[in-house]
Protein backbone atom coordinates (compact mmCIF):
# COMPACT_ATOMS: atom_id res chain seq x y z
CA MET A 1 8.68 -35.81 -62.92
CA ASN A 2 6.18 -33.13 -61.85
CA ALA A 3 4.70 -35.49 -59.23
CA LEU A 4 8.13 -36.23 -57.73
CA LEU A 5 8.96 -32.47 -57.49
CA ILE A 6 5.60 -31.83 -55.84
CA PHE A 7 6.30 -34.72 -53.35
CA LEU A 8 9.80 -33.32 -52.51
CA VAL A 9 8.39 -29.84 -51.87
CA ILE A 10 5.79 -31.22 -49.47
CA VAL A 11 8.35 -33.24 -47.67
CA ILE A 12 10.65 -30.20 -47.27
CA LEU A 13 7.68 -28.03 -45.85
CA VAL A 14 6.64 -30.67 -43.44
CA THR A 15 10.18 -31.07 -42.20
CA ALA A 16 10.67 -27.38 -41.84
CA VAL A 17 7.51 -27.05 -39.71
CA LEU A 18 8.61 -29.99 -37.38
CA VAL A 19 12.07 -28.52 -37.00
CA TYR A 20 10.62 -25.16 -36.02
CA LEU A 21 8.13 -26.62 -33.52
CA TYR A 22 10.90 -28.75 -31.92
CA PHE A 23 13.39 -25.92 -31.41
CA ASN A 24 10.94 -23.31 -30.47
CA LYS A 25 8.08 -25.02 -28.66
CA LEU A 26 8.65 -28.72 -27.98
CA GLY A 27 12.29 -29.03 -27.04
CA PRO A 28 13.14 -30.66 -23.70
CA TRP A 29 14.87 -27.43 -22.61
CA LYS A 30 11.65 -25.37 -23.07
CA LYS A 31 10.82 -25.31 -19.42
CA GLU A 32 8.54 -22.77 -17.79
CA LYS A 33 10.45 -19.57 -17.32
CA SER A 34 10.97 -18.20 -13.89
CA PRO A 35 8.34 -15.52 -13.30
CA ALA A 36 10.87 -13.63 -11.19
CA SER A 37 12.71 -12.69 -14.22
CA ALA A 38 9.90 -12.67 -16.71
CA GLN A 39 7.63 -10.17 -14.94
CA THR A 40 8.16 -6.52 -14.44
CA PRO A 41 9.07 -5.13 -10.96
CA ALA A 42 5.62 -3.65 -10.56
CA GLN A 43 4.07 -7.14 -11.13
CA THR A 44 6.27 -8.99 -8.71
CA GLN A 45 6.33 -6.51 -5.79
CA VAL A 46 4.01 -5.38 -3.03
CA LEU A 47 1.60 -2.57 -3.31
CA PRO A 48 2.90 0.85 -2.10
CA SER A 49 1.03 2.12 0.92
CA ILE A 50 1.03 4.95 3.43
CA THR A 51 0.37 5.35 7.08
CA ASP A 52 0.13 7.99 9.84
CA ILE A 53 -1.64 10.63 7.72
CA SER A 54 -2.64 13.79 9.30
CA VAL A 55 -4.16 17.07 7.96
CA ASP A 56 -3.54 20.41 9.50
CA ARG A 57 -6.15 23.12 8.66
CA THR A 58 -4.82 26.60 9.15
CA LEU A 59 -6.94 29.74 8.91
CA SER A 60 -4.68 32.73 8.48
CA PRO A 61 -5.34 36.50 8.91
CA ASP A 62 -6.68 38.06 5.75
CA GLY A 63 -3.88 39.43 3.65
CA SER A 64 -5.93 41.29 1.08
CA SER A 65 -4.92 44.81 0.33
CA GLU A 66 -8.52 45.79 0.03
CA PRO A 67 -10.25 46.09 3.51
CA TYR A 68 -13.47 44.16 3.89
CA THR A 69 -16.55 46.00 5.20
CA ILE A 70 -18.71 42.91 5.61
CA GLU A 71 -21.59 43.55 8.05
CA PRO A 72 -22.44 40.17 9.81
CA TYR A 73 -26.00 41.17 10.58
CA THR A 74 -27.22 42.29 7.18
CA ILE A 75 -29.52 40.11 5.05
CA GLU A 76 -26.67 39.27 2.54
CA PRO A 77 -23.39 39.69 4.59
CA TYR A 78 -21.04 38.46 1.92
CA THR A 79 -20.99 37.60 -1.73
CA ASP A 80 -19.68 34.66 -3.72
CA ALA A 81 -16.80 36.84 -4.75
CA ASP A 82 -15.91 37.45 -1.12
CA ILE A 83 -15.96 33.71 -0.25
CA LEU A 84 -13.84 32.93 -3.27
CA ALA A 85 -11.21 35.60 -2.31
CA LEU A 86 -11.24 34.63 1.42
CA SER A 87 -10.49 31.04 0.56
CA LYS A 88 -6.89 32.15 0.04
CA ASN A 89 -6.67 32.45 3.77
CA VAL A 90 -7.03 28.64 4.19
CA THR A 91 -4.10 26.20 3.99
CA PHE A 92 -4.21 22.38 4.34
CA THR A 93 -1.00 20.59 5.19
CA LEU A 94 -1.08 16.91 4.49
CA SER A 95 1.67 14.78 6.13
CA TRP A 96 2.17 11.02 5.94
CA THR A 97 4.77 8.24 6.13
CA ASN A 98 5.42 6.11 3.10
CA GLY A 99 5.11 2.36 3.84
CA LEU A 100 6.65 -0.64 2.11
CA GLY A 101 6.41 -0.98 -1.68
CA PHE A 102 7.58 2.40 -3.02
CA THR A 103 11.14 1.32 -3.71
CA GLU A 104 10.20 -2.32 -4.74
CA ALA A 105 7.48 -1.27 -7.19
CA LYS A 106 9.58 1.72 -8.40
CA VAL A 107 6.90 4.42 -7.76
CA SER A 108 7.55 7.18 -10.18
CA LYS A 109 4.99 9.78 -9.26
CA ILE A 110 2.50 10.86 -6.54
CA GLU A 111 -0.40 13.16 -7.17
CA VAL A 112 -2.29 14.92 -4.43
CA SER A 113 -5.79 16.21 -5.33
CA HIS A 114 -8.34 18.38 -3.40
CA GLY A 115 -12.08 18.25 -3.73
CA VAL A 116 -14.87 20.43 -2.10
CA MET A 117 -18.42 19.18 -1.60
CA SER A 118 -20.33 22.46 -1.32
CA GLY A 119 -23.77 20.78 -1.37
CA THR A 120 -24.91 17.18 -0.58
CA THR A 121 -23.21 15.33 -3.40
CA PHE A 122 -19.66 14.97 -4.70
CA ASP A 123 -18.35 13.50 -7.97
CA ASN A 124 -15.65 11.00 -6.93
CA ASP A 125 -14.60 10.74 -10.61
CA ASN A 126 -14.45 14.39 -11.82
CA GLY A 127 -14.79 16.51 -8.71
CA TRP A 128 -10.99 16.46 -7.95
CA LYS A 129 -8.57 19.26 -8.59
CA LEU A 130 -4.85 18.19 -8.95
CA ARG A 131 -2.97 20.49 -6.56
CA GLU A 132 0.50 18.84 -6.12
CA THR A 133 2.72 16.40 -8.01
CA ILE A 134 5.77 14.62 -6.57
CA GLU A 135 7.89 12.91 -9.24
CA ALA A 136 11.38 11.60 -9.93
CA ASN A 137 13.76 13.96 -11.63
CA SER A 138 17.48 13.97 -12.46
CA THR A 139 18.40 16.14 -9.55
CA ASP A 140 17.02 13.78 -6.84
CA ASP A 141 18.74 10.57 -6.14
CA PRO A 142 17.02 8.90 -4.58
CA PRO A 143 13.83 10.71 -5.65
CA LEU A 144 12.43 12.75 -2.63
CA GLY A 145 9.12 11.65 -1.48
CA LEU A 146 9.06 8.27 -3.37
CA ASN A 147 11.00 6.04 -1.00
CA ASN A 148 10.02 3.45 1.62
CA PHE A 149 9.39 4.99 5.06
CA GLU A 150 9.96 8.56 4.04
CA THR A 151 8.00 11.31 5.65
CA VAL A 152 6.17 13.50 3.16
CA SER A 153 4.40 16.86 3.56
CA VAL A 154 2.28 18.80 1.02
CA GLU A 155 0.61 22.06 1.39
CA ILE A 156 -2.66 23.15 -0.42
CA SER A 157 -3.84 26.76 -0.15
CA GLY A 158 -6.57 28.65 -1.78
CA ASP A 159 -5.59 29.97 -5.14
CA GLY A 160 -8.66 32.05 -6.13
CA ALA A 161 -9.78 29.44 -8.66
CA TYR A 162 -12.48 27.85 -6.57
CA SER A 163 -14.04 28.15 -3.12
CA PHE A 164 -13.01 26.15 -0.08
CA ALA A 165 -16.40 26.54 1.53
CA GLY A 166 -17.90 23.11 2.21
CA ASN A 167 -16.61 19.66 3.04
CA ASN A 168 -12.99 19.28 1.98
CA PHE A 169 -11.64 15.89 0.78
CA PHE A 170 -8.19 14.82 -0.32
CA LYS A 171 -6.89 12.04 -2.56
CA ILE A 172 -3.30 10.69 -2.88
CA VAL A 173 -2.49 8.49 -5.82
CA ALA A 174 0.78 6.62 -6.55
CA TYR A 175 1.92 5.72 -10.07
CA TYR A 176 4.17 2.70 -10.64
CA GLY A 177 5.25 0.48 -13.48
CA THR A 178 4.28 1.51 -17.01
CA SER A 179 0.68 2.46 -16.46
CA SER A 180 -0.46 1.32 -13.09
CA SER A 181 -1.81 3.39 -10.27
CA ILE A 182 -3.32 2.98 -6.77
CA ASP A 183 -5.23 5.28 -4.49
CA LEU A 184 -3.05 5.55 -1.29
CA TYR A 185 -5.76 7.66 0.27
CA ASN A 186 -9.16 8.84 -0.63
CA SER A 187 -10.99 10.62 2.32
CA TYR A 188 -14.22 10.92 0.35
CA THR A 189 -14.52 7.18 -0.08
CA LEU A 190 -13.64 6.69 3.61
CA TRP A 191 -16.11 9.37 4.54
CA LYS A 192 -18.89 7.79 2.49
CA ASN A 193 -18.48 4.38 4.02
CA GLU A 194 -17.91 5.49 7.58
CA LYS A 195 -20.87 4.98 9.98
CA ASP A 196 -19.37 6.72 12.99
CA ASP A 197 -20.17 10.47 13.01
CA GLU A 198 -17.09 11.41 15.01
CA LYS A 199 -14.83 9.65 12.59
CA LYS A 200 -16.66 11.17 9.58
CA GLU A 201 -15.86 14.63 10.95
CA LYS A 202 -12.15 13.90 10.73
CA LEU A 203 -12.50 12.74 7.06
CA ALA A 204 -14.64 15.60 5.73
CA ILE A 205 -12.98 18.85 6.96
CA LYS A 206 -15.75 21.44 6.91
CA ILE A 207 -15.06 25.07 6.10
CA SER A 208 -18.05 27.44 6.60
CA ASN A 209 -18.63 30.82 5.05
CA ASP A 210 -18.58 32.32 8.54
CA GLN A 211 -15.18 30.85 9.18
CA LEU A 212 -13.87 32.41 5.94
CA VAL A 213 -15.28 35.76 6.84
CA GLY A 214 -13.90 35.46 10.32
CA THR A 215 -10.38 35.54 8.90
CA THR A 216 -10.82 39.25 8.41
CA ASP A 217 -10.68 39.67 12.23
CA LEU A 218 -7.89 37.22 12.95
CA LEU A 219 -4.61 38.48 14.43
CA THR A 220 -2.66 35.20 14.34
CA PRO A 221 -3.09 31.92 12.37
CA GLU A 222 -5.32 29.26 13.86
CA THR A 223 -4.41 25.56 13.25
CA ILE A 224 -6.41 22.35 13.84
CA THR A 225 -4.96 18.94 13.26
CA TYR A 226 -7.07 16.12 11.94
CA GLU A 227 -5.89 12.47 12.10
CA PRO A 228 -8.22 10.32 9.92
CA ARG A 229 -7.85 6.63 10.01
CA LEU A 230 -6.48 4.49 7.13
CA ASP A 231 -8.50 1.47 6.18
CA SER A 232 -7.26 -1.41 4.04
CA GLY A 233 -10.80 -2.50 3.56
CA THR A 234 -11.09 0.12 0.86
CA GLY A 235 -7.91 -0.97 -0.94
CA GLN A 236 -5.64 1.24 0.99
CA THR A 237 -2.81 0.71 3.38
CA LEU A 238 -2.88 -1.83 6.20
CA GLY A 239 -2.18 0.96 8.68
CA ARG A 240 -2.48 -0.21 12.29
CA THR A 241 -5.62 -2.40 11.67
CA ILE A 242 -3.76 -5.70 12.01
CA ASP A 243 -1.72 -4.70 15.12
CA ASN A 244 -2.18 -6.98 18.14
CA GLN A 245 -4.60 -9.26 16.35
CA TYR A 246 -4.36 -13.02 16.16
CA TYR A 247 -4.34 -14.43 12.62
CA ASP A 248 -4.13 -17.73 10.74
CA PHE A 249 -1.59 -17.67 7.89
CA TYR A 250 -2.11 -19.66 4.62
CA PHE A 251 -0.51 -20.10 1.21
CA TYR A 252 -1.45 -21.93 -1.90
CA TYR A 253 1.08 -24.59 -2.98
CA LYS A 254 -0.15 -24.24 -6.59
CA GLU A 255 -1.93 -21.21 -7.92
CA SER A 256 -4.74 -23.34 -9.26
CA ASP A 257 -5.31 -25.11 -5.89
CA ALA A 258 -8.67 -24.62 -4.35
CA THR A 259 -7.56 -25.38 -0.76
CA PRO A 260 -4.71 -23.47 0.91
CA MET A 261 -1.89 -24.94 3.06
CA ASN A 262 -1.76 -23.86 6.69
CA LEU A 263 1.46 -21.83 7.41
CA PHE A 264 0.92 -20.45 10.82
CA SER A 265 -2.07 -20.61 13.15
CA ASN A 266 -3.11 -18.31 16.05
CA VAL A 267 -0.24 -15.82 15.53
CA ARG A 268 -0.33 -12.33 16.95
CA LEU A 269 1.17 -9.42 15.07
CA VAL A 270 3.08 -7.17 17.38
CA ALA A 271 3.81 -3.73 16.04
CA LEU A 272 7.36 -2.42 16.62
CA ASP A 273 6.45 1.27 16.05
CA ASP A 274 3.58 3.50 15.15
CA THR A 275 3.71 3.04 11.39
CA GLY A 276 1.94 -0.29 11.26
CA ILE A 277 4.56 -1.68 8.89
CA LYS A 278 7.24 -3.50 10.99
CA PHE A 279 6.19 -6.40 13.23
CA LYS A 280 7.36 -9.34 15.24
CA LEU A 281 5.25 -12.45 15.16
CA GLU A 282 4.13 -14.35 18.27
CA LYS A 283 2.41 -17.73 18.41
CA LYS A 284 0.02 -18.26 21.21
CA CYS A 285 0.54 -21.59 23.04
CA LEU A 286 -2.51 -23.46 24.40
CA ASP A 287 -0.41 -24.36 27.38
CA GLU A 288 1.52 -21.31 28.63
CA ASN A 289 4.05 -23.54 30.37
CA ASP A 290 4.76 -25.46 27.19
CA THR A 291 8.23 -24.50 26.01
CA LEU A 292 8.67 -27.30 23.53
CA SER A 293 5.70 -26.70 21.16
CA LEU A 294 5.92 -24.43 18.20
CA CYS A 295 4.95 -21.33 20.21
CA GLY A 296 6.58 -18.17 21.26
CA TRP A 297 8.40 -15.68 18.92
CA TYR A 298 9.24 -16.18 15.29
CA ARG A 299 13.01 -16.52 15.40
CA PRO A 300 16.04 -17.94 13.49
CA LEU A 301 17.29 -21.40 14.60
CA SER A 302 20.37 -23.47 13.75
CA ALA A 303 19.94 -27.03 12.68
CA GLN A 304 22.28 -29.85 11.62
CA VAL A 305 21.13 -31.53 8.47
CA PHE A 306 23.42 -34.07 6.70
CA GLY A 307 26.47 -32.50 8.45
CA GLN A 308 25.63 -29.02 7.07
CA THR A 309 24.48 -26.04 9.11
CA LEU A 310 21.28 -24.64 7.73
CA ILE A 311 19.25 -21.67 8.94
CA THR A 312 15.63 -22.62 9.51
CA TYR A 313 12.80 -20.46 10.82
CA GLY A 314 10.08 -21.18 13.46
CA PHE A 315 8.49 -20.29 16.67
CA ARG A 316 10.33 -20.82 19.98
CA LYS A 317 9.51 -19.60 23.43
CA ILE A 318 12.23 -18.65 25.87
CA GLY A 319 10.29 -16.77 28.56
CA ASP A 320 9.12 -13.45 27.23
CA ASN A 321 12.39 -12.77 25.40
CA ILE A 322 11.86 -11.31 21.98
CA ILE A 323 15.33 -9.95 21.38
CA ASP A 324 16.21 -12.67 18.81
CA ALA A 325 12.79 -12.61 17.07
CA ILE A 326 12.94 -11.70 13.38
CA GLU A 327 11.67 -8.25 12.44
CA ILE A 328 9.08 -8.63 9.72
CA GLU A 329 7.86 -5.93 7.32
CA ILE A 330 4.28 -6.46 6.00
CA ALA A 331 2.58 -4.93 3.09
CA GLU A 332 -0.33 -5.90 0.85
CA SER A 333 0.24 -8.04 -2.13
CA LEU A 334 -0.61 -7.14 -5.69
CA GLU A 335 -2.70 -10.35 -5.84
CA LYS A 336 -6.28 -8.96 -5.79
CA ASN A 337 -8.19 -12.30 -5.38
CA LYS A 338 -8.42 -12.83 -1.62
CA ARG A 339 -10.03 -16.31 -2.06
CA GLY A 340 -12.23 -15.81 1.01
CA HIS A 341 -9.45 -14.52 3.30
CA GLU A 342 -9.30 -11.10 4.98
CA LYS A 343 -6.03 -10.02 3.37
CA VAL A 344 -3.27 -10.91 0.97
CA ILE A 345 0.09 -9.82 2.25
CA MET A 346 3.77 -10.30 1.69
CA LEU A 347 6.20 -10.76 4.52
CA LYS A 348 9.78 -9.41 4.09
CA ALA A 349 12.77 -9.76 6.46
CA ASN A 350 16.38 -8.69 6.11
CA ILE A 351 18.35 -11.96 6.38
CA ASP A 352 22.12 -12.07 5.93
CA GLY A 353 22.06 -8.48 4.59
CA GLU A 354 19.43 -9.28 1.95
CA ASP A 355 15.76 -8.43 1.64
CA LYS A 356 13.95 -11.74 1.47
CA TYR A 357 10.31 -12.67 1.19
CA LEU A 358 8.48 -15.64 2.76
CA PHE A 359 7.50 -18.18 0.10
CA GLY A 360 5.26 -20.48 2.13
CA TRP A 361 6.96 -23.60 3.38
CA ASP A 362 9.91 -22.89 1.11
CA GLY A 363 11.07 -20.24 3.53
CA PHE A 364 12.56 -16.76 2.94
CA LYS A 365 14.00 -16.16 -0.63
CA THR A 366 14.80 -13.12 -2.80
CA LEU A 367 12.34 -12.44 -5.54
CA ASN A 368 14.93 -13.32 -8.14
CA ASP A 369 16.12 -16.53 -6.41
CA SER A 370 17.51 -18.99 -8.97
CA THR A 371 15.72 -21.85 -7.24
CA ILE A 372 12.37 -20.52 -8.22
CA THR A 373 11.66 -22.27 -11.50
CA ASN A 374 7.89 -21.95 -12.16
CA VAL A 375 4.88 -19.85 -11.52
CA ASN A 376 3.56 -21.96 -8.69
CA GLU A 377 6.75 -21.60 -6.67
CA PHE A 378 6.68 -17.85 -7.25
CA PHE A 379 2.95 -17.63 -6.41
CA ARG A 380 3.78 -18.94 -2.82
CA ARG A 381 4.95 -15.45 -1.87
CA ASN A 382 1.33 -14.48 -1.42
CA ILE A 383 0.37 -15.06 2.19
CA TYR A 384 -3.37 -15.23 2.91
CA ILE A 385 -4.45 -14.22 6.39
CA LYS A 386 -7.69 -14.10 8.34
CA LYS A 387 -8.44 -13.66 12.03
CA HIS A 388 -8.05 -16.70 14.12
CA GLY A 389 -11.34 -18.53 14.79
CA THR A 390 -13.18 -16.89 11.82
């Protein structure tokens, strides 16, 4: 009797385990979930970026109530306390344009920090002082400063807490998702990696002791504008670096594939404005008189397939007419592994009133398209580019 009872208990346990596995792990309906719905917006979108950054350095007449009696030809013309106090006469105004990715990745906050290198070294980890925070609140809908293509301006003035004498650097950081962040701009990193002396001067804005003391004699403010470059090679925005260049475009049919599929070859990116975000694509023909090959401008075409009218996309050349060419927005992808290519980007176009992304040969789709059923199909949104001929 005891043996029979033990046998029945074992049978019941084994049956329960098999039923659990079937309904929760092995059932035929247990297909791979669509990553478009499984991942968070920050994981499925492009990186936020900025462009057109400029820095105004303004020296203002001294507003101290105590007159300075600094003698410029004495052995010690000014003290550290003088320099600290006179730093209040300096104002930096940072201006930039948000690129693509702020709205899609749901950027919740931007922090602007200031750093001064008074000697020959600067601590890129701990040398920054947070001076301005832009974040969403209940009164701003949409949140000001955190939207795509929005122009943003921030002022940083001396507050008496530290001296502005030395090389001045700025860092702009965007926060998105639950705990992710990205440096939109770090002038110290750019300055450190720059080889051209003229460009370095635009990245490290020098304030000398003599300039600070000179504000005691100023009658009107003096402003100089610096326009440093943005460089995606340091993990920052694409800027204008890809404008008017010919690229080869690739995608990976499966995420695990070692060899990519060719999407476009010898295609020029033609910027539509100064932001370096919106482009039209032009394919160079080997024979300029060839109007039948896949060359010319990237444009929508109508095609009859099985009696149904479908919209397909490809290059067609009709003289130099680009009126019907698709306007493309380009931003860097969150995919960090470039797999030997120059950049990983995403291409977005507004089609039929919807923002759609290019998924390799699958064409333009929304990120939550119901036809995307597995991670490989979703991965095809990552477009890998490198300069043609390299």
